[in-house]
């Protein structure tokens, strides 16, 4: 199938999934490494931060490339406006804050100053999802994919682990146009390797299967792989699609997965309404109507707590994914042949 991993990458992925004590690294670390590499390779790459350089992992860039770093303070709307102006002169600004504040607080500037003019600004939205943990609802961006994917010209990328976040950072630095790159705070499993392919706009088949396609983005890719392995013990074979580019989405792979499996489950650390799964549903409604179940936050705000416990509480753990797969199969079996 298109975009399946090559043999070596697939073998290494399987080894990581089967290893006890899988390595865990925050996805924000991958961003920090990637933006430094991008800045060293292109002096037009700038890092501009809203008083959160350590949290967003821009601190390393500040220390390595001080002439390309700007600290603007707690002023997210000005952060976007200034970056858009710099982009108009040929600069490639990466602008970082917590996702709840940028794009959350600065959305109008993102829409009008950044995207309407198709400026080459890259938003680094850190601390996304309920896995921010004890910071609570005010800092847990679970609506950000929805508000960004509806903006024309905007590319939206949600990598699955720290290695892929670094790859995505370098990829968006090399492309022209406005981008929203979403990543998290907490340590999460590393499921890819340096050899794992990555291309913007191309979903990846991390596991083959014929019964249900689990289409997932972000850190919950690992939970989807665990759920698929458990379901396989009962004879249910799930395809797992790492759908890292939410916009523009890889429609071909999504449709092919639905045609092969006949049922789909979408998984994301975001509100179910308006997120990645909603876009999958839009595509399938037009091109290949398919029974679909959604795993995500069900129209609620977050709360303070342990990150892993919050993932479970809001129905995004591997057991919740398993249950959604079984519901999808039941719906598939009710459809006339």
C-alpha atoms as a PDB file:
ATOM      1  CA  UNK A   1       0.000   0.000   0.000  1.00  0.00           C
ATOM      2  CA  UNK A   2       1.169   3.566  -0.646  1.00  0.00           C
ATOM      3  CA  UNK A   3       3.324   5.118   2.076  1.00  0.00           C
ATOM      4  CA  UNK A   4       3.962   1.863   3.952  1.00  0.00           C
ATOM      5  CA  UNK A   5       7.362   1.816   5.635  1.00  0.00           C
ATOM      6  CA  UNK A   6      10.211   0.086   3.861  1.00  0.00           C
ATOM      7  CA  UNK A   7      11.431  -3.209   5.305  1.00  0.00           C
ATOM      8  CA  UNK A   8      14.286  -1.801   7.397  1.00  0.00           C
ATOM      9  CA  UNK A   9      12.239   1.026   8.912  1.00  0.00           C
ATOM     10  CA  UNK A  10       9.325  -1.286   9.648  1.00  0.00           C
ATOM     11  CA  UNK A  11      11.620  -3.798  11.351  1.00  0.00           C
ATOM     12  CA  UNK A  12      13.165  -1.106  13.544  1.00  0.00           C
ATOM     13  CA  UNK A  13       9.701   0.228  14.440  1.00  0.00           C
ATOM     14  CA  UNK A  14       8.591  -3.259  15.446  1.00  0.00           C
ATOM     15  CA  UNK A  15      11.698  -3.674  17.603  1.00  0.00           C
ATOM     16  CA  UNK A  16      10.948  -0.439  19.437  1.00  0.00           C
ATOM     17  CA  UNK A  17       7.325  -1.412  19.997  1.00  0.00           C
ATOM     18  CA  UNK A  18       8.307  -4.780  21.430  1.00  0.00           C
ATOM     19  CA  UNK A  19      11.133  -3.531  23.635  1.00  0.00           C
ATOM     20  CA  UNK A  20      10.483  -3.311  27.347  1.00  0.00           C
ATOM     21  CA  UNK A  21      10.865   0.205  28.694  1.00  0.00           C
ATOM     22  CA  UNK A  22      10.555   2.034  25.395  1.00  0.00           C
ATOM     23  CA  UNK A  23      12.584   5.244  25.279  1.00  0.00           C
ATOM     24  CA  UNK A  24      10.597   8.354  26.201  1.00  0.00           C
ATOM     25  CA  UNK A  25      11.507  11.901  25.152  1.00  0.00           C
ATOM     26  CA  UNK A  26       9.360  15.064  25.021  1.00  0.00           C
ATOM     27  CA  UNK A  27       8.354  16.026  21.499  1.00  0.00           C
ATOM     28  CA  UNK A  28       9.393  19.597  22.313  1.00  0.00           C
ATOM     29  CA  UNK A  29      13.004  18.374  22.501  1.00  0.00           C
ATOM     30  CA  UNK A  30      12.813  17.379  18.853  1.00  0.00           C
ATOM     31  CA  UNK A  31      11.631  20.864  17.965  1.00  0.00           C
ATOM     32  CA  UNK A  32      14.521  22.420  19.875  1.00  0.00           C
ATOM     33  CA  UNK A  33      17.056  20.272  18.044  1.00  0.00           C
ATOM     34  CA  UNK A  34      15.422  20.856  14.678  1.00  0.00           C
ATOM     35  CA  UNK A  35      15.195  24.624  14.888  1.00  0.00           C
ATOM     36  CA  UNK A  36      18.900  24.874  15.818  1.00  0.00           C
ATOM     37  CA  UNK A  37      19.850  22.755  12.817  1.00  0.00           C
ATOM     38  CA  UNK A  38      17.591  24.814  10.569  1.00  0.00           C
ATOM     39  CA  UNK A  39      19.121  28.048  11.873  1.00  0.00           C
ATOM     40  CA  UNK A  40      22.671  26.841  11.332  1.00  0.00           C
ATOM     41  CA  UNK A  41      21.822  25.847   7.785  1.00  0.00           C
ATOM     42  CA  UNK A  42      20.055  29.106   6.915  1.00  0.00           C
ATOM     43  CA  UNK A  43      20.880  32.423   8.590  1.00  0.00           C
ATOM     44  CA  UNK A  44      17.469  33.745   7.590  1.00  0.00           C
ATOM     45  CA  UNK A  45      15.868  31.337  10.059  1.00  0.00           C
ATOM     46  CA  UNK A  46      14.958  33.244  13.226  1.00  0.00           C
ATOM     47  CA  UNK A  47      13.666  32.039  16.579  1.00  0.00           C
ATOM     48  CA  UNK A  48      11.306  34.489  18.270  1.00  0.00           C
ATOM     49  CA  UNK A  49       9.910  33.620  21.672  1.00  0.00           C
ATOM     50  CA  UNK A  50       7.238  35.016  23.984  1.00  0.00           C
ATOM     51  CA  UNK A  51       9.109  34.640  27.288  1.00  0.00           C
ATOM     52  CA  UNK A  52       9.099  30.832  27.290  1.00  0.00           C
ATOM     53  CA  UNK A  53      12.447  29.909  25.760  1.00  0.00           C
ATOM     54  CA  UNK A  54      13.205  27.051  28.157  1.00  0.00           C
ATOM     55  CA  UNK A  55       9.710  25.545  28.053  1.00  0.00           C
ATOM     56  CA  UNK A  56       9.440  25.710  24.260  1.00  0.00           C
ATOM     57  CA  UNK A  57      13.044  24.509  23.836  1.00  0.00           C
ATOM     58  CA  UNK A  58      14.168  27.686  22.071  1.00  0.00           C
ATOM     59  CA  UNK A  59      16.789  28.254  24.765  1.00  0.00           C
ATOM     60  CA  UNK A  60      19.323  26.109  22.916  1.00  0.00           C
ATOM     61  CA  UNK A  61      18.834  28.219  19.788  1.00  0.00           C
ATOM     62  CA  UNK A  62      19.317  31.394  21.845  1.00  0.00           C
ATOM     63  CA  UNK A  63      22.622  30.079  23.166  1.00  0.00           C
ATOM     64  CA  UNK A  64      23.871  28.650  19.863  1.00  0.00           C
ATOM     65  CA  UNK A  65      22.718  31.419  17.511  1.00  0.00           C
ATOM     66  CA  UNK A  66      22.171  34.581  19.578  1.00  0.00           C
ATOM     67  CA  UNK A  67      22.199  36.875  16.529  1.00  0.00           C
ATOM     68  CA  UNK A  68      19.187  34.990  15.126  1.00  0.00           C
ATOM     69  CA  UNK A  69      17.179  34.949  18.346  1.00  0.00           C
ATOM     70  CA  UNK A  70      14.650  37.556  19.525  1.00  0.00           C
ATOM     71  CA  UNK A  71      12.863  37.665  22.880  1.00  0.00           C
ATOM     72  CA  UNK A  72       9.630  39.632  22.668  1.00  0.00           C
ATOM     73  CA  UNK A  73       8.149  38.966  26.103  1.00  0.00           C
ATOM     74  CA  UNK A  74       4.550  38.108  26.930  1.00  0.00           C
ATOM     75  CA  UNK A  75       3.063  39.678  23.807  1.00  0.00           C
ATOM     76  CA  UNK A  76       1.757  36.919  21.561  1.00  0.00           C
ATOM     77  CA  UNK A  77      -0.251  39.125  19.203  1.00  0.00           C
ATOM     78  CA  UNK A  78       2.788  41.301  18.540  1.00  0.00           C
ATOM     79  CA  UNK A  79       4.824  38.107  18.174  1.00  0.00           C
ATOM     80  CA  UNK A  80       2.771  37.122  15.130  1.00  0.00           C
ATOM     81  CA  UNK A  81       2.582  40.609  13.622  1.00  0.00           C
ATOM     82  CA  UNK A  82       6.323  41.204  13.947  1.00  0.00           C
ATOM     83  CA  UNK A  83       7.150  37.790  12.504  1.00  0.00           C
ATOM     84  CA  UNK A  84       4.889  38.415   9.520  1.00  0.00           C
ATOM     85  CA  UNK A  85       6.722  41.662   8.830  1.00  0.00           C
ATOM     86  CA  UNK A  86      10.096  39.966   9.058  1.00  0.00           C
ATOM     87  CA  UNK A  87       8.945  37.206   6.748  1.00  0.00           C
ATOM     88  CA  UNK A  88       8.074  39.830   4.144  1.00  0.00           C
ATOM     89  CA  UNK A  89      11.771  40.752   4.027  1.00  0.00           C
ATOM     90  CA  UNK A  90      12.911  37.179   3.394  1.00  0.00           C
ATOM     91  CA  UNK A  91      13.341  35.933   6.941  1.00  0.00           C
ATOM     92  CA  UNK A  92      11.974  32.547   8.101  1.00  0.00           C
ATOM     93  CA  UNK A  93      10.658  33.192  11.616  1.00  0.00           C
ATOM     94  CA  UNK A  94       9.766  30.389  14.020  1.00  0.00           C
ATOM     95  CA  UNK A  95       7.565  31.857  16.741  1.00  0.00           C
ATOM     96  CA  UNK A  96       7.054  29.923  19.964  1.00  0.00           C
ATOM     97  CA  UNK A  97       4.766  29.966  22.961  1.00  0.00           C
ATOM     98  CA  UNK A  98       2.317  27.595  24.562  1.00  0.00           C
ATOM     99  CA  UNK A  99      -0.271  26.598  21.979  1.00  0.00           C
ATOM    100  CA  UNK A 100      -3.009  27.993  24.210  1.00  0.00           C
ATOM    101  CA  UNK A 101      -1.473  31.466  23.810  1.00  0.00           C
ATOM    102  CA  UNK A 102      -0.144  31.192  20.275  1.00  0.00           C
ATOM    103  CA  UNK A 103      -2.228  30.500  18.234  1.00  0.00           C
ATOM    104  CA  UNK A 104      -4.905  30.656  20.961  1.00  0.00           C
ATOM    105  CA  UNK A 105      -4.545  34.262  22.088  1.00  0.00           C
ATOM    106  CA  UNK A 106      -3.201  35.525  18.747  1.00  0.00           C
ATOM    107  CA  UNK A 107      -5.651  33.851  16.362  1.00  0.00           C
ATOM    108  CA  UNK A 108      -6.869  37.036  14.646  1.00  0.00           C
ATOM    109  CA  UNK A 109      -3.306  38.105  13.882  1.00  0.00           C
ATOM    110  CA  UNK A 110      -2.545  34.570  12.672  1.00  0.00           C
ATOM    111  CA  UNK A 111      -5.541  34.682  10.345  1.00  0.00           C
ATOM    112  CA  UNK A 112      -5.216  38.222   9.005  1.00  0.00           C
ATOM    113  CA  UNK A 113      -1.583  39.256   9.288  1.00  0.00           C
ATOM    114  CA  UNK A 114       0.073  35.893   8.820  1.00  0.00           C
ATOM    115  CA  UNK A 115      -2.135  33.633   6.680  1.00  0.00           C
ATOM    116  CA  UNK A 116      -4.103  36.100   4.565  1.00  0.00           C
ATOM    117  CA  UNK A 117      -0.810  37.439   3.259  1.00  0.00           C
ATOM    118  CA  UNK A 118       0.679  33.917   2.963  1.00  0.00           C
ATOM    119  CA  UNK A 119       3.723  34.917   4.991  1.00  0.00           C
ATOM    120  CA  UNK A 120       6.489  32.411   5.650  1.00  0.00           C
ATOM    121  CA  UNK A 121       5.957  32.228   9.427  1.00  0.00           C
ATOM    122  CA  UNK A 122       6.160  28.966  11.377  1.00  0.00           C
ATOM    123  CA  UNK A 123       4.168  28.757  14.616  1.00  0.00           C
ATOM    124  CA  UNK A 124       5.604  26.376  17.199  1.00  0.00           C
ATOM    125  CA  UNK A 125       2.682  25.494  19.452  1.00  0.00           C
ATOM    126  CA  UNK A 126       4.148  23.881  22.573  1.00  0.00           C
ATOM    127  CA  UNK A 127       2.403  22.203  25.523  1.00  0.00           C
ATOM    128  CA  UNK A 128      -0.579  21.080  23.439  1.00  0.00           C
ATOM    129  CA  UNK A 129      -3.151  18.581  24.704  1.00  0.00           C
ATOM    130  CA  UNK A 130      -4.261  17.458  28.164  1.00  0.00           C
ATOM    131  CA  UNK A 131      -0.858  15.819  28.680  1.00  0.00           C
ATOM    132  CA  UNK A 132       0.395  19.237  29.806  1.00  0.00           C
ATOM    133  CA  UNK A 133      -0.855  17.777  33.090  1.00  0.00           C
ATOM    134  CA  UNK A 134      -0.882  19.898  36.271  1.00  0.00           C
ATOM    135  CA  UNK A 135      -1.006  23.220  34.399  1.00  0.00           C
ATOM    136  CA  UNK A 136      -4.721  22.571  33.956  1.00  0.00           C
ATOM    137  CA  UNK A 137      -7.457  23.654  31.574  1.00  0.00           C
ATOM    138  CA  UNK A 138      -6.181  27.190  30.959  1.00  0.00           C
ATOM    139  CA  UNK A 139      -2.950  25.811  29.490  1.00  0.00           C
ATOM    140  CA  UNK A 140      -4.263  22.663  27.783  1.00  0.00           C
ATOM    141  CA  UNK A 141      -4.798  23.473  24.104  1.00  0.00           C
ATOM    142  CA  UNK A 142      -7.333  20.943  22.843  1.00  0.00           C
ATOM    143  CA  UNK A 143      -9.059  23.193  20.302  1.00  0.00           C
ATOM    144  CA  UNK A 144      -6.000  24.390  18.395  1.00  0.00           C
ATOM    145  CA  UNK A 145      -6.122  21.980  15.460  1.00  0.00           C
ATOM    146  CA  UNK A 146      -9.708  23.051  14.804  1.00  0.00           C
ATOM    147  CA  UNK A 147      -8.970  26.785  14.792  1.00  0.00           C
ATOM    148  CA  UNK A 148      -5.888  26.373  12.616  1.00  0.00           C
ATOM    149  CA  UNK A 149      -7.008  23.884   9.989  1.00  0.00           C
ATOM    150  CA  UNK A 150      -9.909  26.129   8.976  1.00  0.00           C
ATOM    151  CA  UNK A 151      -7.550  28.992   7.998  1.00  0.00           C
ATOM    152  CA  UNK A 152      -6.765  29.117   4.255  1.00  0.00           C
ATOM    153  CA  UNK A 153      -3.096  28.582   3.245  1.00  0.00           C
ATOM    154  CA  UNK A 154      -2.221  27.104   6.666  1.00  0.00           C
ATOM    155  CA  UNK A 155      -0.241  23.860   6.907  1.00  0.00           C
ATOM    156  CA  UNK A 156      -0.898  21.924  10.137  1.00  0.00           C
ATOM    157  CA  UNK A 157       1.581  19.279  11.341  1.00  0.00           C
ATOM    158  CA  UNK A 158       1.259  17.043  14.440  1.00  0.00           C
ATOM    159  CA  UNK A 159       4.321  14.743  14.701  1.00  0.00           C
ATOM    160  CA  UNK A 160       4.200  11.488  16.655  1.00  0.00           C
ATOM    161  CA  UNK A 161       7.453  11.630  18.655  1.00  0.00           C
ATOM    162  CA  UNK A 162      10.611  13.647  19.283  1.00  0.00           C
ATOM    163  CA  UNK A 163      12.496  12.300  16.262  1.00  0.00           C
ATOM    164  CA  UNK A 164       9.630  13.041  13.925  1.00  0.00           C
ATOM    165  CA  UNK A 165       9.181  16.492  15.473  1.00  0.00           C
ATOM    166  CA  UNK A 166      12.789  17.300  14.563  1.00  0.00           C
ATOM    167  CA  UNK A 167      12.218  16.008  11.028  1.00  0.00           C
ATOM    168  CA  UNK A 168       9.021  18.040  10.743  1.00  0.00           C
ATOM    169  CA  UNK A 169      10.746  21.196  12.009  1.00  0.00           C
ATOM    170  CA  UNK A 170      13.410  20.902   9.320  1.00  0.00           C
ATOM    171  CA  UNK A 171      10.786  20.160   6.672  1.00  0.00           C
ATOM    172  CA  UNK A 172       8.633  23.189   7.465  1.00  0.00           C
ATOM    173  CA  UNK A 173      11.749  25.398   7.605  1.00  0.00           C
ATOM    174  CA  UNK A 174      12.488  24.380   4.017  1.00  0.00           C
ATOM    175  CA  UNK A 175       8.983  25.001   2.648  1.00  0.00           C
ATOM    176  CA  UNK A 176       7.402  28.362   1.907  1.00  0.00           C
ATOM    177  CA  UNK A 177       4.189  29.422   3.581  1.00  0.00           C
ATOM    178  CA  UNK A 178       2.467  29.641   6.974  1.00  0.00           C
ATOM    179  CA  UNK A 179       2.692  26.578   9.219  1.00  0.00           C
ATOM    180  CA  UNK A 180       1.352  25.422  12.565  1.00  0.00           C
ATOM    181  CA  UNK A 181       3.607  22.807  14.175  1.00  0.00           C
ATOM    182  CA  UNK A 182       2.043  21.220  17.282  1.00  0.00           C
ATOM    183  CA  UNK A 183       3.949  19.377  19.995  1.00  0.00           C
ATOM    184  CA  UNK A 184       3.794  18.539  23.698  1.00  0.00           C
ATOM    185  CA  UNK A 185       5.490  18.918  27.040  1.00  0.00           C
ATOM    186  CA  UNK A 186       5.597  15.477  28.637  1.00  0.00           C
ATOM    187  CA  UNK A 187       8.010  12.654  27.878  1.00  0.00           C
ATOM    188  CA  UNK A 188       6.348  10.308  25.400  1.00  0.00           C
ATOM    189  CA  UNK A 189       7.407   7.071  23.650  1.00  0.00           C
ATOM    190  CA  UNK A 190       9.801   7.311  20.713  1.00  0.00           C
ATOM    191  CA  UNK A 191       8.346   5.056  18.025  1.00  0.00           C
ATOM    192  CA  UNK A 192      10.379   6.157  14.992  1.00  0.00           C
ATOM    193  CA  UNK A 193      14.094   6.117  14.229  1.00  0.00           C
ATOM    194  CA  UNK A 194      16.389   8.310  12.179  1.00  0.00           C
ATOM    195  CA  UNK A 195      15.759   5.898   9.278  1.00  0.00           C
ATOM    196  CA  UNK A 196      11.962   6.195   9.423  1.00  0.00           C
ATOM    197  CA  UNK A 197      10.809   8.089   6.311  1.00  0.00           C
ATOM    198  CA  UNK A 198       9.050  11.439   6.716  1.00  0.00           C
ATOM    199  CA  UNK A 199       7.439  13.672   4.136  1.00  0.00           C
ATOM    200  CA  UNK A 200       5.015  16.514   4.717  1.00  0.00           C
ATOM    201  CA  UNK A 201       1.552  15.654   3.430  1.00  0.00           C
ATOM    202  CA  UNK A 202       2.243  11.901   3.277  1.00  0.00           C
ATOM    203  CA  UNK A 203       0.646   9.715   5.936  1.00  0.00           C
ATOM    204  CA  UNK A 204       2.568   6.624   7.032  1.00  0.00           C
ATOM    205  CA  UNK A 205       1.382   3.053   7.496  1.00  0.00           C
ATOM    206  CA  UNK A 206       2.965   1.999  10.785  1.00  0.00           C
ATOM    207  CA  UNK A 207       1.077  -1.305  10.915  1.00  0.00           C
ATOM    208  CA  UNK A 208      -0.736  -3.256   8.235  1.00  0.00           C
ATOM    209  CA  UNK A 209      -4.215  -4.652   8.869  1.00  0.00           C
ATOM    210  CA  UNK A 210      -7.483  -5.505   7.158  1.00  0.00           C
ATOM    211  CA  UNK A 211     -10.259  -5.130   9.751  1.00  0.00           C
ATOM    212  CA  UNK A 212     -10.136  -1.505  10.950  1.00  0.00           C
ATOM    213  CA  UNK A 213      -7.901   1.442  10.041  1.00  0.00           C
ATOM    214  CA  UNK A 214      -6.798   3.456  13.074  1.00  0.00           C
ATOM    215  CA  UNK A 215      -5.937   6.936  11.789  1.00  0.00           C
ATOM    216  CA  UNK A 216      -3.982   8.784  14.463  1.00  0.00           C
ATOM    217  CA  UNK A 217      -1.786  11.838  14.927  1.00  0.00           C
ATOM    218  CA  UNK A 218       0.609  13.024  17.610  1.00  0.00           C
ATOM    219  CA  UNK A 219       1.741  11.225  20.719  1.00  0.00           C
ATOM    220  CA  UNK A 220      -1.255   8.851  20.701  1.00  0.00           C
ATOM    221  CA  UNK A 221       0.331   6.889  17.839  1.00  0.00           C
ATOM    222  CA  UNK A 222       1.996   4.738  20.491  1.00  0.00           C
ATOM    223  CA  UNK A 223      -1.347   4.046  22.227  1.00  0.00           C
ATOM    224  CA  UNK A 224      -2.821   3.063  18.860  1.00  0.00           C
ATOM    225  CA  UNK A 225       0.021   0.613  18.221  1.00  0.00           C
ATOM    226  CA  UNK A 226      -0.429  -0.926  21.671  1.00  0.00           C
ATOM    227  CA  UNK A 227      -4.184  -1.243  21.109  1.00  0.00           C
ATOM    228  CA  UNK A 228      -3.614  -2.865  17.712  1.00  0.00           C
ATOM    229  CA  UNK A 229      -1.218  -5.420  19.198  1.00  0.00           C
ATOM    230  CA  UNK A 230      -3.724  -6.339  21.927  1.00  0.00           C
ATOM    231  CA  UNK A 231      -6.585  -6.643  19.435  1.00  0.00           C
ATOM    232  CA  UNK A 232      -4.483  -8.938  17.268  1.00  0.00           C
ATOM    233  CA  UNK A 233      -4.615 -11.527  20.063  1.00  0.00           C
ATOM    234  CA  UNK A 234      -8.357 -11.746  19.404  1.00  0.00           C
ATOM    235  CA  UNK A 235      -7.880 -12.040  15.663  1.00  0.00           C
ATOM    236  CA  UNK A 236      -8.627  -8.377  14.905  1.00  0.00           C
ATOM    237  CA  UNK A 237      -5.971  -6.925  12.600  1.00  0.00           C
ATOM    238  CA  UNK A 238      -5.777  -3.137  12.638  1.00  0.00           C
ATOM    239  CA  UNK A 239      -3.970  -0.922  10.201  1.00  0.00           C
ATOM    240  CA  UNK A 240      -2.316   2.009  12.025  1.00  0.00           C
ATOM    241  CA  UNK A 241      -1.909   5.196   9.980  1.00  0.00           C
ATOM    242  CA  UNK A 242       0.334   7.944  11.349  1.00  0.00           C
ATOM    243  CA  UNK A 243      -1.545  10.931   9.924  1.00  0.00           C
ATOM    244  CA  UNK A 244       1.007  13.567  10.946  1.00  0.00           C
ATOM    245  CA  UNK A 245       0.003  16.209   8.398  1.00  0.00           C
ATOM    246  CA  UNK A 246      -3.520  17.289   9.275  1.00  0.00           C
ATOM    247  CA  UNK A 247      -3.530  19.897   6.521  1.00  0.00           C
ATOM    248  CA  UNK A 248      -3.100  19.269   3.663  1.00  0.00           C
ATOM    249  CA  UNK A 249      -4.185  15.748   4.539  1.00  0.00           C
ATOM    250  CA  UNK A 250      -3.114  12.725   2.537  1.00  0.00           C
ATOM    251  CA  UNK A 251      -6.549  11.961   1.090  1.00  0.00           C
ATOM    252  CA  UNK A 252      -5.312   9.109  -1.088  1.00  0.00           C
ATOM    253  CA  UNK A 253      -3.941   7.106   1.830  1.00  0.00           C
ATOM    254  CA  UNK A 254      -7.031   7.796   3.981  1.00  0.00           C
ATOM    255  CA  UNK A 255      -9.396   6.612   1.249  1.00  0.00           C
ATOM    256  CA  UNK A 256      -7.278   3.540   0.487  1.00  0.00           C
ATOM    257  CA  UNK A 257      -7.223   2.611   4.186  1.00  0.00           C
ATOM    258  CA  UNK A 258     -11.013   2.922   4.386  1.00  0.00           C
ATOM    259  CA  UNK A 259     -11.482   0.830   1.243  1.00  0.00           C
ATOM    260  CA  UNK A 260      -9.166  -1.909   2.505  1.00  0.00           C
ATOM    261  CA  UNK A 261     -10.536  -2.104   6.059  1.00  0.00           C
ATOM    262  CA  UNK A 262     -14.167  -1.018   5.694  1.00  0.00           C
ATOM    263  CA  UNK A 263     -14.126   0.817   9.038  1.00  0.00           C
ATOM    264  CA  UNK A 264     -12.079   3.646  10.552  1.00  0.00           C
ATOM    265  CA  UNK A 265     -11.217   4.886  14.043  1.00  0.00           C
ATOM    266  CA  UNK A 266      -9.617   8.324  14.404  1.00  0.00           C
ATOM    267  CA  UNK A 267      -7.451   9.113  17.425  1.00  0.00           C
ATOM    268  CA  UNK A 268      -6.131  12.499  18.572  1.00  0.00           C
ATOM    269  CA  UNK A 269      -5.277  14.405  21.758  1.00  0.00           C
ATOM    270  CA  UNK A 270      -7.768  17.129  20.897  1.00  0.00           C
ATOM    271  CA  UNK A 271     -11.455  17.850  20.950  1.00  0.00           C
ATOM    272  CA  UNK A 272     -13.281  15.377  18.735  1.00  0.00           C
ATOM    273  CA  UNK A 273     -15.187  18.300  17.222  1.00  0.00           C
ATOM    274  CA  UNK A 274     -13.274  20.036  14.453  1.00  0.00           C
ATOM    275  CA  UNK A 275     -10.002  18.154  14.781  1.00  0.00           C
ATOM    276  CA  UNK A 276      -8.037  15.705  12.676  1.00  0.00           C
ATOM    277  CA  UNK A 277     -10.833  13.131  12.844  1.00  0.00           C
ATOM    278  CA  UNK A 278     -13.349  15.639  11.561  1.00  0.00           C
ATOM    279  CA  UNK A 279     -11.222  16.170   8.462  1.00  0.00           C
ATOM    280  CA  UNK A 280     -10.961  12.401   7.943  1.00  0.00           C
ATOM    281  CA  UNK A 281     -14.759  12.219   8.170  1.00  0.00           C
ATOM    282  CA  UNK A 282     -15.132  15.034   5.632  1.00  0.00           C
ATOM    283  CA  UNK A 283     -12.886  13.218   3.181  1.00  0.00           C
ATOM    284  CA  UNK A 284     -14.653   9.877   3.582  1.00  0.00           C
ATOM    285  CA  UNK A 285     -18.129  11.423   3.406  1.00  0.00           C
ATOM    286  CA  UNK A 286     -17.236  12.769  -0.024  1.00  0.00           C
ATOM    287  CA  UNK A 287     -15.143   9.951  -1.423  1.00  0.00           C
ATOM    288  CA  UNK A 288     -15.768   6.706   0.438  1.00  0.00           C
ATOM    289  CA  UNK A 289     -18.576   6.661   3.084  1.00  0.00           C
ATOM    290  CA  UNK A 290     -17.329   4.377   5.856  1.00  0.00           C
ATOM    291  CA  UNK A 291     -18.340   3.537   9.460  1.00  0.00           C
ATOM    292  CA  UNK A 292     -16.142   5.711  11.661  1.00  0.00           C
ATOM    293  CA  UNK A 293     -15.560   6.086  15.392  1.00  0.00           C
ATOM    294  CA  UNK A 294     -13.771   9.007  17.052  1.00  0.00           C
ATOM    295  CA  UNK A 295     -11.333   8.928  19.985  1.00  0.00           C
ATOM    296  CA  UNK A 296     -10.498  12.275  21.564  1.00  0.00           C
ATOM    297  CA  UNK A 297     -11.811  14.737  24.122  1.00  0.00           C
ATOM    298  CA  UNK A 298     -15.605  14.671  24.093  1.00  0.00           C
ATOM    299  CA  UNK A 299     -16.682  18.344  24.369  1.00  0.00           C
ATOM    300  CA  UNK A 300     -15.034  18.982  27.745  1.00  0.00           C
ATOM    301  CA  UNK A 301     -12.345  21.205  29.179  1.00  0.00           C
ATOM    302  CA  UNK A 302      -9.211  19.692  30.658  1.00  0.00           C
ATOM    303  CA  UNK A 303      -8.177  19.733  34.312  1.00  0.00           C
ATOM    304  CA  UNK A 304      -5.045  19.453  36.423  1.00  0.00           C
ATOM    305  CA  UNK A 305      -3.642  15.987  36.909  1.00  0.00           C
ATOM    306  CA  UNK A 306      -0.994  13.467  36.020  1.00  0.00           C
ATOM    307  CA  UNK A 307      -0.526  13.415  32.228  1.00  0.00           C
ATOM    308  CA  UNK A 308      -1.000   9.650  31.852  1.00  0.00           C
ATOM    309  CA  UNK A 309      -4.054   9.676  34.099  1.00  0.00           C
ATOM    310  CA  UNK A 310      -5.591  12.530  32.109  1.00  0.00           C
ATOM    311  CA  UNK A 311      -5.118  10.639  28.849  1.00  0.00           C
ATOM    312  CA  UNK A 312      -7.023   7.722  30.389  1.00  0.00           C
ATOM    313  CA  UNK A 313      -9.658   9.920  32.051  1.00  0.00           C
ATOM    314  CA  UNK A 314     -10.547  11.626  28.783  1.00  0.00           C
ATOM    315  CA  UNK A 315     -10.841   8.349  26.895  1.00  0.00           C
ATOM    316  CA  UNK A 316      -7.643   8.365  24.850  1.00  0.00           C
ATOM    317  CA  UNK A 317      -5.789   5.400  26.323  1.00  0.00           C
ATOM    318  CA  UNK A 318      -5.158   2.133  24.512  1.00  0.00           C
ATOM    319  CA  UNK A 319      -8.223   0.506  26.109  1.00  0.00           C
ATOM    320  CA  UNK A 320     -10.460   3.298  24.789  1.00  0.00           C
ATOM    321  CA  UNK A 321      -8.986   2.803  21.324  1.00  0.00           C
ATOM    322  CA  UNK A 322      -9.657  -0.938  21.557  1.00  0.00           C
ATOM    323  CA  UNK A 323     -13.290  -0.262  22.493  1.00  0.00           C
ATOM    324  CA  UNK A 324     -13.683   2.144  19.579  1.00  0.00           C
ATOM    325  CA  UNK A 325     -12.275  -0.477  17.187  1.00  0.00           C
ATOM    326  CA  UNK A 326     -14.813  -3.030  18.401  1.00  0.00           C
ATOM    327  CA  UNK A 327     -17.635  -0.516  17.922  1.00  0.00           C
ATOM    328  CA  UNK A 328     -16.416   0.225  14.413  1.00  0.00           C
ATOM    329  CA  UNK A 329     -16.344  -3.483  13.552  1.00  0.00           C
ATOM    330  CA  UNK A 330     -19.879  -3.931  14.884  1.00  0.00           C
ATOM    331  CA  UNK A 331     -21.079  -1.085  12.684  1.00  0.00           C
ATOM    332  CA  UNK A 332     -19.240  -2.489   9.692  1.00  0.00           C
ATOM    333  CA  UNK A 333     -20.899  -5.870  10.167  1.00  0.00           C
ATOM    334  CA  UNK A 334     -24.336  -4.245  10.197  1.00  0.00           C
ATOM    335  CA  UNK A 335     -23.805  -2.682   6.769  1.00  0.00           C
ATOM    336  CA  UNK A 336     -25.395  -4.480   3.808  1.00  0.00           C
ATOM    337  CA  UNK A 337     -22.808  -6.224   1.652  1.00  0.00           C
END
